Amino acid sequence: MEFKSKASLPFMLFGALAGAGSGLLSASLDSSLPALLLFLLLFLLAYRLTPIFLRLPPSQFPEGWSPVRALKLGFWSFLACWLLVWILVYNLVL
């Protein structure tokens, strides 16, 4: 498996977790702000934990590991999973 694919898997996992939490928060509260804060918190957590899940120190990543690199590799997969799961959970709860 390519490095880009491996690096996006933890982002997808955390995106799905954030989507489930966001869907529950949005359905139970009148505001979506806590859901968006959960999105940001879990994205930062995914950024920090991806090297641990891949069992590589950040210095051994191709092109290094930085916040900009994490945005390039994982943001879209995180966003897609988050949005899909958020919509599903929100509609199931309502």
Protein backbone atom coordinates (compact mmCIF):
# COMPACT_ATOMS: atom_id res chain seq x y z
CA MET A 1 0.00 0.00 0.00
CA GLU A 2 1.27 3.48 -0.82
CA PHE A 3 2.33 5.82 1.95
CA LYS A 4 -0.41 8.32 1.06
CA SER A 5 -3.06 5.63 1.45
CA LYS A 6 -1.62 4.43 4.74
CA ALA A 7 -1.40 7.97 6.08
CA SER A 8 -5.03 8.74 5.20
CA LEU A 9 -6.46 5.73 7.09
CA PRO A 10 -6.07 7.21 10.61
CA PHE A 11 -7.60 10.45 9.33
CA MET A 12 -10.56 8.49 7.99
CA LEU A 13 -10.99 6.69 11.31
CA PHE A 14 -10.93 9.90 13.31
CA GLY A 15 -13.20 11.55 10.74
CA ALA A 16 -15.79 8.82 11.25
CA LEU A 17 -15.53 9.20 15.04
CA ALA A 18 -15.88 12.96 14.75
CA GLY A 19 -18.87 12.53 12.44
CA ALA A 20 -20.65 10.24 14.91
CA GLY A 21 -19.99 12.65 17.76
CA SER A 22 -20.98 15.66 15.69
CA GLY A 23 -24.20 14.01 14.57
CA LEU A 24 -25.18 13.24 18.15
CA LEU A 25 -24.25 16.74 19.36
CA SER A 26 -26.09 18.45 16.51
CA ALA A 27 -29.23 16.40 17.05
CA SER A 28 -29.32 17.01 20.79
CA LEU A 29 -28.30 20.70 20.84
CA ASP A 30 -29.66 23.72 18.98
CA SER A 31 -26.17 24.84 17.94
CA SER A 32 -23.65 23.23 15.60
CA LEU A 33 -20.69 24.96 17.22
CA PRO A 34 -19.83 22.04 19.56
CA ALA A 35 -19.87 19.72 16.54
CA LEU A 36 -17.41 21.91 14.69
CA LEU A 37 -15.17 22.15 17.74
CA LEU A 38 -15.20 18.35 17.94
CA PHE A 39 -14.21 18.29 14.25
CA LEU A 40 -11.18 20.49 14.92
CA LEU A 41 -10.18 18.64 18.08
CA LEU A 42 -10.25 15.22 16.44
CA PHE A 43 -8.44 16.47 13.34
CA LEU A 44 -5.62 17.74 15.55
CA LEU A 45 -5.64 14.44 17.40
CA ALA A 46 -5.41 12.56 14.10
CA TYR A 47 -2.48 14.76 13.09
CA ARG A 48 -0.66 13.93 16.32
CA LEU A 49 -1.46 10.20 16.36
CA THR A 50 -0.89 9.30 12.70
CA PRO A 51 2.87 8.72 13.17
CA ILE A 52 2.10 6.46 16.13
CA PHE A 53 -0.47 4.44 14.16
CA LEU A 54 1.96 4.05 11.27
CA ARG A 55 4.78 3.16 13.70
CA LEU A 56 7.15 5.62 12.06
CA PRO A 57 8.90 8.57 13.63
CA PRO A 58 7.94 11.79 11.85
CA SER A 59 11.51 12.17 10.58
CA GLN A 60 11.14 9.01 8.45
CA PHE A 61 8.03 10.20 6.61
CA PRO A 62 8.57 11.05 2.94
CA GLU A 63 8.83 14.84 2.74
CA GLY A 64 8.65 15.05 6.57
CA TRP A 65 5.61 15.50 8.77
CA SER A 66 4.23 18.97 9.39
CA PRO A 67 0.78 20.54 9.77
CA VAL A 68 0.83 21.54 6.10
CA ARG A 69 1.73 17.99 5.07
CA ALA A 70 -1.08 16.63 7.26
CA LEU A 71 -3.54 19.01 5.60
CA LYS A 72 -2.43 17.81 2.17
CA LEU A 73 -2.58 14.12 3.03
CA GLY A 74 -5.47 13.77 5.41
CA PHE A 75 -7.87 16.69 5.33
CA TRP A 76 -10.07 15.58 2.44
CA SER A 77 -10.41 12.01 3.65
CA PHE A 78 -11.16 13.29 7.18
CA LEU A 79 -13.73 15.75 5.84
CA ALA A 80 -15.45 13.17 3.61
CA CYS A 81 -15.79 10.60 6.40
CA TRP A 82 -16.86 13.23 8.91
CA LEU A 83 -19.55 14.64 6.64
CA LEU A 84 -20.90 11.25 5.57
CA VAL A 85 -21.14 9.88 9.13
CA TRP A 86 -22.48 13.18 10.49
CA ILE A 87 -25.36 13.15 8.00
CA LEU A 88 -26.14 9.47 8.67
CA VAL A 89 -26.07 9.76 12.47
CA TYR A 90 -27.98 13.04 12.50
CA ASN A 91 -30.78 11.58 10.37
CA LEU A 92 -30.91 8.37 12.39
CA VAL A 93 -31.17 10.26 15.68
CA LEU A 94 -33.91 12.57 14.44
